[in-house]
Structure formats: C-alpha cells, structure tokens
C-alpha cells in the first residue's frame, strides 16, 4: 500500500468528503459545465496561445511555458514528414493547437471539431484570422459530417479520455482517414485496473478522474486493442509520463498553497463551484499517481491500413 497516497488522501479528507466526490457522475453535461466554470482558470494557468494541455519538459526538470509547444511541434513534424494537406483536430477546445499549426503551414487545410459552446467561442475567435483553419461543432463520437478518406492526418490532445465510447471514435477516425493516413493521440491512461489495486489507490484514481472531468481513464491495453480492430496500426506508443511531471508539479504546488490556508480554504471551498474546487484534488494527486505508475501520459501514433 502506498503511504504517499494514504497521506494525500488524509490531507484531502480534511477539506472534502472524498466518498461523495468519488460518487460524482461524469457525463457530457458535466464536462460542458466543467469547461464553462473553469474558463478563467484555464486562461490564467495556460498560455496566450490558448493551449490547455500539459507541457512536455524534455530539457531539464523545470517547467517552462515553452514546454506547451512540444505537442504541436511534434505534430508539425508529422505534417511535414507525410506531406499532409488536410488535417482534422478532434476536441479542438480553444483552437490553440490547430491555430498554431495553421500559421506554420499556410498551404495545409485544418478543421477543428468540438462539442462545447464555451470552448468554441475562443476557437472561432482565433480561427477568424486564418484562411486555412475552420472550426466546426460536433462530437468525436460522430464524424458523419466528414466524407470517407477525407483527411491525411487526425489528432487529439488530452481529450479522448472524455469519451465513454473510444471504440466508436477509433472506428470513425479510421473511416475518415485516407489509406496510409496518421492518427496521433496524446492522452492519459490507467496502467493498472481495480483487481490489482488497494482501496486507497482505487479511491485516489477515482478522485483524479472526477477532478479532471473524466468518467473513466482508458486502460492502455484496451485502447491499443480497439485501435487494431479499427484497422489502425500502431507505429508509436511512447510513455511521456516523466516529461509531464514538471507541469503537474507546478499544479501540485498551487494545490498545496491553497490547502495550507486551512480554515480559510474551507470557507473558500464552500463558495466555489465543485467543478472548480475539484481541480485542487486532481492537482494534488496527479504527480503521485504518475510516480506510483498507476496512470501514464502517452503519445500513440497509428497508421490507417
């Protein structure tokens, strides 16, 4: 049993009813409200480029805002390598990724898809200045607005975890990709499932999921198997967990500062929306769960067969 996890649950238990948090139901309405409530928080904690993902610190051990560009630069490399001309981003969010890529690839057409009205306000604003970036509303579970074999590259950054039907998403991606097209996924996964975990680990994992508005993190093996069934051949399965730790440690420090406020923190938590305050739980737990190898952050790259 992890003493570190036990300790962190004990600390959080002074401020939250952990069992109640764990019972929180996460559905699409909850996710939409989560992004609405956390609109200002994302603006404050992330970059002027509207990136809302984890940074990848591949040089040194200290977080830098430059680390937020790692994912788009890697995607940019794939675009160049494959001569992609039509690119689809699933769950584009605020549109920061596709906007950056569109600026650096003026001859490539980008479409950003998202279901959230709140997120699309930002995405439509920044896409308005780019002739090669179009924003559309829709779910990654249903890509029927796009024709078969219409994209050279599809990518999604830290959002497939929100889907309860990743098998459907993979099948849809396979359909809209041309033969030889690529699918890039940056996301978090469970490394271990319930039968092998202590009760404290199961609770900590659930609290993390609620804190980031995820119903259930996918188990990496299940995800790879489903991709294969969708005729998507895995080319890369890179564990980037250690590279996101500096970003997570930054959020962890902010959570610790808040919790040290003691009774003042309790008063503030009684005022805050739970969809905002539960971020403190995930920020406090995420680095430990990565270090305990219960969750991972990975880049997976697939090729359409």
C-alpha atoms as a PDB file:
ATOM      1  CA  UNK A   1       0.000   0.000   0.000  1.00  0.00           C
ATOM      2  CA  UNK A   2       1.373   3.413  -0.942  1.00  0.00           C
ATOM      3  CA  UNK A   3       1.996   5.549   2.142  1.00  0.00           C
ATOM      4  CA  UNK A   4       2.230   8.602  -0.110  1.00  0.00           C
ATOM      5  CA  UNK A   5      -1.268   8.042  -1.466  1.00  0.00           C
ATOM      6  CA  UNK A   6      -2.633   7.355   2.042  1.00  0.00           C
ATOM      7  CA  UNK A   7      -1.099  10.599   3.290  1.00  0.00           C
ATOM      8  CA  UNK A   8      -2.530  12.652   0.444  1.00  0.00           C
ATOM      9  CA  UNK A   9      -5.991  11.210   0.900  1.00  0.00           C
ATOM     10  CA  UNK A  10      -5.791  12.044   4.602  1.00  0.00           C
ATOM     11  CA  UNK A  11      -4.905  15.657   3.823  1.00  0.00           C
ATOM     12  CA  UNK A  12      -7.669  15.999   1.238  1.00  0.00           C
ATOM     13  CA  UNK A  13     -10.135  14.384   3.627  1.00  0.00           C
ATOM     14  CA  UNK A  14      -9.835  17.431   5.889  1.00  0.00           C
ATOM     15  CA  UNK A  15     -11.369  19.585   3.158  1.00  0.00           C
ATOM     16  CA  UNK A  16     -13.537  17.281   1.036  1.00  0.00           C
ATOM     17  CA  UNK A  17     -15.963  14.437   1.567  1.00  0.00           C
ATOM     18  CA  UNK A  18     -13.898  12.044  -0.542  1.00  0.00           C
ATOM     19  CA  UNK A  19     -16.544   9.353  -0.814  1.00  0.00           C
ATOM     20  CA  UNK A  20     -19.048  11.932  -2.049  1.00  0.00           C
ATOM     21  CA  UNK A  21     -16.552  13.248  -4.596  1.00  0.00           C
ATOM     22  CA  UNK A  22     -15.904   9.700  -5.782  1.00  0.00           C
ATOM     23  CA  UNK A  23     -19.598   9.136  -6.438  1.00  0.00           C
ATOM     24  CA  UNK A  24     -19.818  12.113  -8.800  1.00  0.00           C
ATOM     25  CA  UNK A  25     -21.325  11.114 -12.148  1.00  0.00           C
ATOM     26  CA  UNK A  26     -19.427  12.445 -15.145  1.00  0.00           C
ATOM     27  CA  UNK A  27     -21.467  12.845 -18.331  1.00  0.00           C
ATOM     28  CA  UNK A  28     -21.376  15.253 -21.275  1.00  0.00           C
ATOM     29  CA  UNK A  29     -23.405  17.885 -19.400  1.00  0.00           C
ATOM     30  CA  UNK A  30     -20.924  17.733 -16.521  1.00  0.00           C
ATOM     31  CA  UNK A  31     -17.986  18.093 -18.927  1.00  0.00           C
ATOM     32  CA  UNK A  32     -19.600  21.091 -20.664  1.00  0.00           C
ATOM     33  CA  UNK A  33     -20.244  22.779 -17.308  1.00  0.00           C
ATOM     34  CA  UNK A  34     -16.707  21.944 -16.158  1.00  0.00           C
ATOM     35  CA  UNK A  35     -15.183  23.912 -19.035  1.00  0.00           C
ATOM     36  CA  UNK A  36     -17.641  26.756 -18.519  1.00  0.00           C
ATOM     37  CA  UNK A  37     -16.849  27.035 -14.797  1.00  0.00           C
ATOM     38  CA  UNK A  38     -13.099  26.757 -15.368  1.00  0.00           C
ATOM     39  CA  UNK A  39     -12.938  29.251 -18.220  1.00  0.00           C
ATOM     40  CA  UNK A  40     -10.992  31.854 -16.251  1.00  0.00           C
ATOM     41  CA  UNK A  41      -8.817  29.250 -14.539  1.00  0.00           C
ATOM     42  CA  UNK A  42      -7.648  27.877 -17.878  1.00  0.00           C
ATOM     43  CA  UNK A  43      -6.934  31.393 -19.114  1.00  0.00           C
ATOM     44  CA  UNK A  44      -4.848  32.086 -16.009  1.00  0.00           C
ATOM     45  CA  UNK A  45      -2.920  28.821 -15.849  1.00  0.00           C
ATOM     46  CA  UNK A  46      -2.148  28.327 -19.520  1.00  0.00           C
ATOM     47  CA  UNK A  47      -0.653  30.257 -22.413  1.00  0.00           C
ATOM     48  CA  UNK A  48      -1.658  33.175 -24.585  1.00  0.00           C
ATOM     49  CA  UNK A  49      -1.719  30.686 -27.490  1.00  0.00           C
ATOM     50  CA  UNK A  50      -4.824  29.076 -25.916  1.00  0.00           C
ATOM     51  CA  UNK A  51      -3.049  25.802 -25.216  1.00  0.00           C
ATOM     52  CA  UNK A  52      -4.805  23.929 -22.401  1.00  0.00           C
ATOM     53  CA  UNK A  53      -2.690  20.778 -22.332  1.00  0.00           C
ATOM     54  CA  UNK A  54       0.239  19.602 -20.240  1.00  0.00           C
ATOM     55  CA  UNK A  55       3.699  20.816 -21.161  1.00  0.00           C
ATOM     56  CA  UNK A  56       6.386  18.297 -22.101  1.00  0.00           C
ATOM     57  CA  UNK A  57       9.634  19.176 -20.345  1.00  0.00           C
ATOM     58  CA  UNK A  58      12.262  17.304 -22.338  1.00  0.00           C
ATOM     59  CA  UNK A  59      15.181  19.523 -21.373  1.00  0.00           C
ATOM     60  CA  UNK A  60      15.926  19.813 -17.673  1.00  0.00           C
ATOM     61  CA  UNK A  61      13.394  19.294 -14.909  1.00  0.00           C
ATOM     62  CA  UNK A  62      11.826  22.745 -14.516  1.00  0.00           C
ATOM     63  CA  UNK A  63       8.588  23.726 -16.237  1.00  0.00           C
ATOM     64  CA  UNK A  64       8.708  26.472 -18.853  1.00  0.00           C
ATOM     65  CA  UNK A  65       5.878  27.905 -20.943  1.00  0.00           C
ATOM     66  CA  UNK A  66       7.908  26.813 -23.964  1.00  0.00           C
ATOM     67  CA  UNK A  67       7.121  23.218 -22.938  1.00  0.00           C
ATOM     68  CA  UNK A  68       3.499  23.777 -24.030  1.00  0.00           C
ATOM     69  CA  UNK A  69       4.688  23.889 -27.654  1.00  0.00           C
ATOM     70  CA  UNK A  70       6.133  20.371 -27.616  1.00  0.00           C
ATOM     71  CA  UNK A  71       2.974  18.614 -28.831  1.00  0.00           C
ATOM     72  CA  UNK A  72       2.250  20.988 -31.727  1.00  0.00           C
ATOM     73  CA  UNK A  73       5.873  20.885 -32.834  1.00  0.00           C
ATOM     74  CA  UNK A  74       5.783  17.086 -32.925  1.00  0.00           C
ATOM     75  CA  UNK A  75       2.506  17.188 -34.901  1.00  0.00           C
ATOM     76  CA  UNK A  76       4.074  19.772 -37.204  1.00  0.00           C
ATOM     77  CA  UNK A  77       6.895  17.306 -37.866  1.00  0.00           C
ATOM     78  CA  UNK A  78       4.405  14.596 -38.870  1.00  0.00           C
ATOM     79  CA  UNK A  79       2.641  17.025 -41.222  1.00  0.00           C
ATOM     80  CA  UNK A  80       5.956  17.787 -42.904  1.00  0.00           C
ATOM     81  CA  UNK A  81       7.037  14.150 -42.974  1.00  0.00           C
ATOM     82  CA  UNK A  82       3.795  12.896 -44.565  1.00  0.00           C
ATOM     83  CA  UNK A  83       3.041  15.915 -46.794  1.00  0.00           C
ATOM     84  CA  UNK A  84      -0.417  16.104 -45.195  1.00  0.00           C
ATOM     85  CA  UNK A  85      -2.731  18.674 -46.770  1.00  0.00           C
ATOM     86  CA  UNK A  86      -5.994  18.021 -44.902  1.00  0.00           C
ATOM     87  CA  UNK A  87      -5.868  17.801 -41.100  1.00  0.00           C
ATOM     88  CA  UNK A  88      -8.627  17.278 -38.546  1.00  0.00           C
ATOM     89  CA  UNK A  89      -8.258  18.037 -34.845  1.00  0.00           C
ATOM     90  CA  UNK A  90     -10.784  16.300 -32.609  1.00  0.00           C
ATOM     91  CA  UNK A  91     -11.838  18.171 -29.450  1.00  0.00           C
ATOM     92  CA  UNK A  92     -10.005  21.284 -30.603  1.00  0.00           C
ATOM     93  CA  UNK A  93     -11.045  23.127 -27.429  1.00  0.00           C
ATOM     94  CA  UNK A  94      -9.918  26.723 -27.661  1.00  0.00           C
ATOM     95  CA  UNK A  95      -8.317  26.013 -31.014  1.00  0.00           C
ATOM     96  CA  UNK A  96      -4.780  26.803 -29.921  1.00  0.00           C
ATOM     97  CA  UNK A  97      -3.172  23.717 -31.442  1.00  0.00           C
ATOM     98  CA  UNK A  98      -4.717  23.997 -34.900  1.00  0.00           C
ATOM     99  CA  UNK A  99      -4.267  27.783 -34.985  1.00  0.00           C
ATOM    100  CA  UNK A 100      -0.529  27.439 -34.300  1.00  0.00           C
ATOM    101  CA  UNK A 101      -0.210  24.692 -36.916  1.00  0.00           C
ATOM    102  CA  UNK A 102      -2.238  26.681 -39.457  1.00  0.00           C
ATOM    103  CA  UNK A 103       0.066  29.683 -39.068  1.00  0.00           C
ATOM    104  CA  UNK A 104       3.111  27.479 -39.666  1.00  0.00           C
ATOM    105  CA  UNK A 105       1.541  25.523 -42.554  1.00  0.00           C
ATOM    106  CA  UNK A 106      -0.320  28.041 -44.745  1.00  0.00           C
ATOM    107  CA  UNK A 107      -0.797  25.508 -47.570  1.00  0.00           C
ATOM    108  CA  UNK A 108      -2.467  22.931 -45.287  1.00  0.00           C
ATOM    109  CA  UNK A 109      -6.199  22.949 -44.504  1.00  0.00           C
ATOM    110  CA  UNK A 110      -7.130  22.485 -40.818  1.00  0.00           C
ATOM    111  CA  UNK A 111     -10.530  21.713 -39.299  1.00  0.00           C
ATOM    112  CA  UNK A 112     -11.088  21.848 -35.551  1.00  0.00           C
ATOM    113  CA  UNK A 113     -14.069  19.960 -34.119  1.00  0.00           C
ATOM    114  CA  UNK A 114     -15.508  20.476 -30.639  1.00  0.00           C
ATOM    115  CA  UNK A 115     -18.841  19.958 -28.924  1.00  0.00           C
ATOM    116  CA  UNK A 116     -18.521  22.675 -26.259  1.00  0.00           C
ATOM    117  CA  UNK A 117     -20.101  26.074 -26.922  1.00  0.00           C
ATOM    118  CA  UNK A 118     -17.797  27.604 -24.311  1.00  0.00           C
ATOM    119  CA  UNK A 119     -14.633  26.319 -25.957  1.00  0.00           C
ATOM    120  CA  UNK A 120     -15.802  27.158 -29.463  1.00  0.00           C
ATOM    121  CA  UNK A 121     -16.158  30.840 -28.580  1.00  0.00           C
ATOM    122  CA  UNK A 122     -12.387  31.007 -28.213  1.00  0.00           C
ATOM    123  CA  UNK A 123     -11.674  28.718 -31.176  1.00  0.00           C
ATOM    124  CA  UNK A 124     -13.878  30.705 -33.564  1.00  0.00           C
ATOM    125  CA  UNK A 125     -12.239  33.938 -32.478  1.00  0.00           C
ATOM    126  CA  UNK A 126      -8.693  32.820 -33.264  1.00  0.00           C
ATOM    127  CA  UNK A 127      -9.670  30.928 -36.420  1.00  0.00           C
ATOM    128  CA  UNK A 128     -11.323  34.055 -37.809  1.00  0.00           C
ATOM    129  CA  UNK A 129      -7.907  35.462 -38.727  1.00  0.00           C
ATOM    130  CA  UNK A 130      -6.780  32.297 -40.524  1.00  0.00           C
ATOM    131  CA  UNK A 131      -7.972  31.319 -44.003  1.00  0.00           C
ATOM    132  CA  UNK A 132      -6.810  27.700 -43.569  1.00  0.00           C
ATOM    133  CA  UNK A 133      -8.395  26.951 -40.175  1.00  0.00           C
ATOM    134  CA  UNK A 134     -12.123  26.217 -39.908  1.00  0.00           C
ATOM    135  CA  UNK A 135     -13.975  25.424 -36.685  1.00  0.00           C
ATOM    136  CA  UNK A 136     -16.991  23.117 -36.623  1.00  0.00           C
ATOM    137  CA  UNK A 137     -19.259  21.968 -33.824  1.00  0.00           C
ATOM    138  CA  UNK A 138     -19.720  18.265 -33.281  1.00  0.00           C
ATOM    139  CA  UNK A 139     -18.807  15.198 -31.256  1.00  0.00           C
ATOM    140  CA  UNK A 140     -15.808  12.990 -31.909  1.00  0.00           C
ATOM    141  CA  UNK A 141     -18.225  10.061 -31.479  1.00  0.00           C
ATOM    142  CA  UNK A 142     -19.950  11.081 -34.724  1.00  0.00           C
ATOM    143  CA  UNK A 143     -17.885  12.306 -37.682  1.00  0.00           C
ATOM    144  CA  UNK A 144     -20.706  11.827 -40.200  1.00  0.00           C
ATOM    145  CA  UNK A 145     -20.289  15.409 -41.438  1.00  0.00           C
ATOM    146  CA  UNK A 146     -16.967  14.303 -42.975  1.00  0.00           C
ATOM    147  CA  UNK A 147     -16.601  12.045 -46.015  1.00  0.00           C
ATOM    148  CA  UNK A 148     -14.717   8.763 -46.077  1.00  0.00           C
ATOM    149  CA  UNK A 149     -10.941   9.054 -46.603  1.00  0.00           C
ATOM    150  CA  UNK A 150     -11.075  12.867 -46.442  1.00  0.00           C
ATOM    151  CA  UNK A 151      -8.104  13.506 -44.112  1.00  0.00           C
ATOM    152  CA  UNK A 152      -4.378  12.812 -44.225  1.00  0.00           C
ATOM    153  CA  UNK A 153      -3.956  13.359 -40.501  1.00  0.00           C
ATOM    154  CA  UNK A 154      -6.259  13.340 -37.468  1.00  0.00           C
ATOM    155  CA  UNK A 155      -5.055  14.273 -33.993  1.00  0.00           C
ATOM    156  CA  UNK A 156      -6.435  14.783 -30.493  1.00  0.00           C
ATOM    157  CA  UNK A 157      -4.677  16.181 -27.428  1.00  0.00           C
ATOM    158  CA  UNK A 158      -5.766  15.176 -23.908  1.00  0.00           C
ATOM    159  CA  UNK A 159      -9.438  14.769 -24.741  1.00  0.00           C
ATOM    160  CA  UNK A 160     -10.132  11.206 -25.853  1.00  0.00           C
ATOM    161  CA  UNK A 161     -10.178  10.365 -22.141  1.00  0.00           C
ATOM    162  CA  UNK A 162     -13.541  12.181 -22.005  1.00  0.00           C
ATOM    163  CA  UNK A 163     -15.135   9.620 -24.333  1.00  0.00           C
ATOM    164  CA  UNK A 164     -17.073   6.689 -22.923  1.00  0.00           C
ATOM    165  CA  UNK A 165     -17.024   5.050 -26.360  1.00  0.00           C
ATOM    166  CA  UNK A 166     -13.445   5.238 -27.616  1.00  0.00           C
ATOM    167  CA  UNK A 167     -14.092   2.219 -29.861  1.00  0.00           C
ATOM    168  CA  UNK A 168     -16.631   4.311 -31.803  1.00  0.00           C
ATOM    169  CA  UNK A 169     -14.205   7.230 -32.027  1.00  0.00           C
ATOM    170  CA  UNK A 170     -11.463   4.953 -33.373  1.00  0.00           C
ATOM    171  CA  UNK A 171     -13.803   3.453 -35.975  1.00  0.00           C
ATOM    172  CA  UNK A 172     -14.890   6.928 -37.103  1.00  0.00           C
ATOM    173  CA  UNK A 173     -11.293   8.142 -37.313  1.00  0.00           C
ATOM    174  CA  UNK A 174     -10.385   5.092 -39.384  1.00  0.00           C
ATOM    175  CA  UNK A 175     -13.244   5.847 -41.764  1.00  0.00           C
ATOM    176  CA  UNK A 176     -12.315   9.492 -42.394  1.00  0.00           C
ATOM    177  CA  UNK A 177      -8.594   8.794 -42.762  1.00  0.00           C
ATOM    178  CA  UNK A 178      -7.200   8.006 -46.179  1.00  0.00           C
ATOM    179  CA  UNK A 179      -5.160   4.818 -46.525  1.00  0.00           C
ATOM    180  CA  UNK A 180      -1.753   5.484 -45.016  1.00  0.00           C
ATOM    181  CA  UNK A 181      -3.073   8.466 -43.030  1.00  0.00           C
ATOM    182  CA  UNK A 182      -1.970   9.040 -39.440  1.00  0.00           C
ATOM    183  CA  UNK A 183      -3.838   9.363 -36.160  1.00  0.00           C
ATOM    184  CA  UNK A 184      -1.970  10.990 -33.243  1.00  0.00           C
ATOM    185  CA  UNK A 185      -3.229  10.800 -29.667  1.00  0.00           C
ATOM    186  CA  UNK A 186      -1.775  12.494 -26.589  1.00  0.00           C
ATOM    187  CA  UNK A 187      -3.627  11.316 -23.500  1.00  0.00           C
ATOM    188  CA  UNK A 188      -3.639   9.839 -20.019  1.00  0.00           C
ATOM    189  CA  UNK A 189      -4.320   6.161 -19.288  1.00  0.00           C
ATOM    190  CA  UNK A 190      -4.761   3.751 -16.434  1.00  0.00           C
ATOM    191  CA  UNK A 191      -1.769   1.452 -16.091  1.00  0.00           C
ATOM    192  CA  UNK A 192      -3.487  -0.845 -13.597  1.00  0.00           C
ATOM    193  CA  UNK A 193      -7.109  -1.817 -13.025  1.00  0.00           C
ATOM    194  CA  UNK A 194      -9.179  -2.436  -9.891  1.00  0.00           C
ATOM    195  CA  UNK A 195      -8.347  -6.068  -9.124  1.00  0.00           C
ATOM    196  CA  UNK A 196      -4.674  -5.265  -8.599  1.00  0.00           C
ATOM    197  CA  UNK A 197      -5.207  -2.086  -6.555  1.00  0.00           C
ATOM    198  CA  UNK A 198      -5.619  -1.310  -2.869  1.00  0.00           C
ATOM    199  CA  UNK A 199      -8.781   0.528  -1.826  1.00  0.00           C
ATOM    200  CA  UNK A 200      -6.836   3.745  -1.271  1.00  0.00           C
ATOM    201  CA  UNK A 201      -5.427   3.525  -4.806  1.00  0.00           C
ATOM    202  CA  UNK A 202      -8.876   2.895  -6.278  1.00  0.00           C
ATOM    203  CA  UNK A 203     -10.247   5.929  -4.434  1.00  0.00           C
ATOM    204  CA  UNK A 204      -7.323   8.137  -5.460  1.00  0.00           C
ATOM    205  CA  UNK A 205      -7.744   7.153  -9.093  1.00  0.00           C
ATOM    206  CA  UNK A 206     -11.448   7.965  -8.970  1.00  0.00           C
ATOM    207  CA  UNK A 207     -10.809  11.320  -7.324  1.00  0.00           C
ATOM    208  CA  UNK A 208      -8.317  12.166 -10.055  1.00  0.00           C
ATOM    209  CA  UNK A 209     -10.876  11.314 -12.725  1.00  0.00           C
ATOM    210  CA  UNK A 210     -13.560  13.483 -11.142  1.00  0.00           C
ATOM    211  CA  UNK A 211     -11.095  16.350 -10.744  1.00  0.00           C
ATOM    212  CA  UNK A 212     -10.395  16.432 -14.478  1.00  0.00           C
ATOM    213  CA  UNK A 213     -13.985  15.616 -15.536  1.00  0.00           C
ATOM    214  CA  UNK A 214     -13.227  12.116 -16.833  1.00  0.00           C
ATOM    215  CA  UNK A 215     -15.699   9.299 -16.309  1.00  0.00           C
ATOM    216  CA  UNK A 216     -13.050   6.589 -16.506  1.00  0.00           C
ATOM    217  CA  UNK A 217      -9.499   6.715 -17.833  1.00  0.00           C
ATOM    218  CA  UNK A 218      -8.994   4.094 -20.530  1.00  0.00           C
ATOM    219  CA  UNK A 219      -6.670   1.187 -19.825  1.00  0.00           C
ATOM    220  CA  UNK A 220      -3.838   1.427 -22.347  1.00  0.00           C
ATOM    221  CA  UNK A 221      -4.039  -2.219 -23.428  1.00  0.00           C
ATOM    222  CA  UNK A 222      -7.766  -1.975 -24.159  1.00  0.00           C
ATOM    223  CA  UNK A 223      -7.200   1.178 -26.203  1.00  0.00           C
ATOM    224  CA  UNK A 224      -4.469  -0.395 -28.349  1.00  0.00           C
ATOM    225  CA  UNK A 225      -6.580  -3.497 -28.971  1.00  0.00           C
ATOM    226  CA  UNK A 226      -9.547  -1.387 -30.077  1.00  0.00           C
ATOM    227  CA  UNK A 227      -7.310   0.591 -32.452  1.00  0.00           C
ATOM    228  CA  UNK A 228      -6.118  -2.606 -34.086  1.00  0.00           C
ATOM    229  CA  UNK A 229      -9.731  -3.738 -34.614  1.00  0.00           C
ATOM    230  CA  UNK A 230     -10.395  -0.382 -36.297  1.00  0.00           C
ATOM    231  CA  UNK A 231      -7.606  -1.112 -38.811  1.00  0.00           C
ATOM    232  CA  UNK A 232      -5.281   1.413 -37.213  1.00  0.00           C
ATOM    233  CA  UNK A 233      -1.768   0.001 -36.959  1.00  0.00           C
ATOM    234  CA  UNK A 234       0.252   1.261 -34.017  1.00  0.00           C
ATOM    235  CA  UNK A 235       3.513   2.934 -35.016  1.00  0.00           C
ATOM    236  CA  UNK A 236       4.355   4.635 -31.704  1.00  0.00           C
ATOM    237  CA  UNK A 237       3.422   4.051 -28.078  1.00  0.00           C
ATOM    238  CA  UNK A 238       5.678   6.425 -26.174  1.00  0.00           C
ATOM    239  CA  UNK A 239       5.402   6.867 -22.425  1.00  0.00           C
ATOM    240  CA  UNK A 240       5.859  10.602 -21.782  1.00  0.00           C
ATOM    241  CA  UNK A 241       4.880  10.488 -18.113  1.00  0.00           C
ATOM    242  CA  UNK A 242       8.173  11.768 -16.761  1.00  0.00           C
ATOM    243  CA  UNK A 243       8.108  14.700 -19.182  1.00  0.00           C
ATOM    244  CA  UNK A 244       4.731  15.973 -17.918  1.00  0.00           C
ATOM    245  CA  UNK A 245       5.737  15.777 -14.263  1.00  0.00           C
ATOM    246  CA  UNK A 246       7.176  19.335 -14.142  1.00  0.00           C
ATOM    247  CA  UNK A 247       3.804  20.696 -15.322  1.00  0.00           C
ATOM    248  CA  UNK A 248       1.986  18.531 -12.802  1.00  0.00           C
ATOM    249  CA  UNK A 249       4.359  19.524 -10.008  1.00  0.00           C
ATOM    250  CA  UNK A 250       3.564  23.148 -10.815  1.00  0.00           C
ATOM    251  CA  UNK A 251      -0.154  22.472 -10.342  1.00  0.00           C
ATOM    252  CA  UNK A 252       0.598  20.401  -7.247  1.00  0.00           C
ATOM    253  CA  UNK A 253       2.416  23.358  -5.672  1.00  0.00           C
ATOM    254  CA  UNK A 254      -0.599  25.597  -6.263  1.00  0.00           C
ATOM    255  CA  UNK A 255      -2.868  22.986  -4.642  1.00  0.00           C
ATOM    256  CA  UNK A 256      -0.553  22.735  -1.614  1.00  0.00           C
ATOM    257  CA  UNK A 257      -0.506  26.510  -1.167  1.00  0.00           C
ATOM    258  CA  UNK A 258      -4.298  26.567  -1.184  1.00  0.00           C
ATOM    259  CA  UNK A 259      -4.655  23.676   1.278  1.00  0.00           C
ATOM    260  CA  UNK A 260      -2.218  25.334   3.693  1.00  0.00           C
ATOM    261  CA  UNK A 261      -4.782  28.109   4.111  1.00  0.00           C
ATOM    262  CA  UNK A 262      -6.625  25.733   6.446  1.00  0.00           C
ATOM    263  CA  UNK A 263      -9.896  27.187   7.687  1.00  0.00           C
ATOM    264  CA  UNK A 264      -9.744  29.931   5.050  1.00  0.00           C
ATOM    265  CA  UNK A 265      -9.547  27.222   2.366  1.00  0.00           C
ATOM    266  CA  UNK A 266     -12.627  25.551   3.844  1.00  0.00           C
ATOM    267  CA  UNK A 267     -14.575  28.792   3.628  1.00  0.00           C
ATOM    268  CA  UNK A 268     -13.496  29.345   0.030  1.00  0.00           C
ATOM    269  CA  UNK A 269     -14.429  25.778  -0.896  1.00  0.00           C
ATOM    270  CA  UNK A 270     -17.922  26.369   0.450  1.00  0.00           C
ATOM    271  CA  UNK A 271     -18.223  29.246  -2.032  1.00  0.00           C
ATOM    272  CA  UNK A 272     -16.526  27.761  -5.088  1.00  0.00           C
ATOM    273  CA  UNK A 273     -18.337  25.551  -7.575  1.00  0.00           C
ATOM    274  CA  UNK A 274     -17.398  21.905  -7.056  1.00  0.00           C
ATOM    275  CA  UNK A 275     -16.419  21.693 -10.715  1.00  0.00           C
ATOM    276  CA  UNK A 276     -13.770  24.289  -9.927  1.00  0.00           C
ATOM    277  CA  UNK A 277     -12.679  23.186  -6.463  1.00  0.00           C
ATOM    278  CA  UNK A 278     -12.219  19.541  -7.507  1.00  0.00           C
ATOM    279  CA  UNK A 279      -9.274  20.733  -9.625  1.00  0.00           C
ATOM    280  CA  UNK A 280      -7.425  21.081  -6.329  1.00  0.00           C
ATOM    281  CA  UNK A 281      -7.894  17.355  -5.729  1.00  0.00           C
ATOM    282  CA  UNK A 282      -6.546  16.321  -9.117  1.00  0.00           C
ATOM    283  CA  UNK A 283      -3.671  18.799  -8.910  1.00  0.00           C
ATOM    284  CA  UNK A 284      -2.673  17.407  -5.526  1.00  0.00           C
ATOM    285  CA  UNK A 285      -2.918  13.745  -6.572  1.00  0.00           C
ATOM    286  CA  UNK A 286      -1.815  13.605 -10.208  1.00  0.00           C
ATOM    287  CA  UNK A 287       2.007  13.682  -9.769  1.00  0.00           C
ATOM    288  CA  UNK A 288       1.919  10.989  -7.086  1.00  0.00           C
ATOM    289  CA  UNK A 289      -0.252   8.691  -9.207  1.00  0.00           C
ATOM    290  CA  UNK A 290       2.150   9.143 -12.119  1.00  0.00           C
ATOM    291  CA  UNK A 291       5.158   8.393  -9.910  1.00  0.00           C
ATOM    292  CA  UNK A 292       3.392   5.357  -8.432  1.00  0.00           C
ATOM    293  CA  UNK A 293       2.833   4.151 -12.027  1.00  0.00           C
ATOM    294  CA  UNK A 294      -0.934   3.952 -11.655  1.00  0.00           C
ATOM    295  CA  UNK A 295      -1.503   6.322 -14.572  1.00  0.00           C
ATOM    296  CA  UNK A 296       0.576   7.295 -17.567  1.00  0.00           C
ATOM    297  CA  UNK A 297       0.690  10.035 -20.184  1.00  0.00           C
ATOM    298  CA  UNK A 298       1.394   8.735 -23.674  1.00  0.00           C
ATOM    299  CA  UNK A 299       1.764   9.605 -27.318  1.00  0.00           C
ATOM    300  CA  UNK A 300       0.299   6.939 -29.576  1.00  0.00           C
ATOM    301  CA  UNK A 301       0.577   7.182 -33.354  1.00  0.00           C
ATOM    302  CA  UNK A 302      -1.417   4.955 -35.723  1.00  0.00           C
ATOM    303  CA  UNK A 303      -1.439   4.441 -39.481  1.00  0.00           C
ATOM    304  CA  UNK A 304      -4.639   3.616 -41.383  1.00  0.00           C
ATOM    305  CA  UNK A 305      -4.292   0.250 -43.096  1.00  0.00           C
END
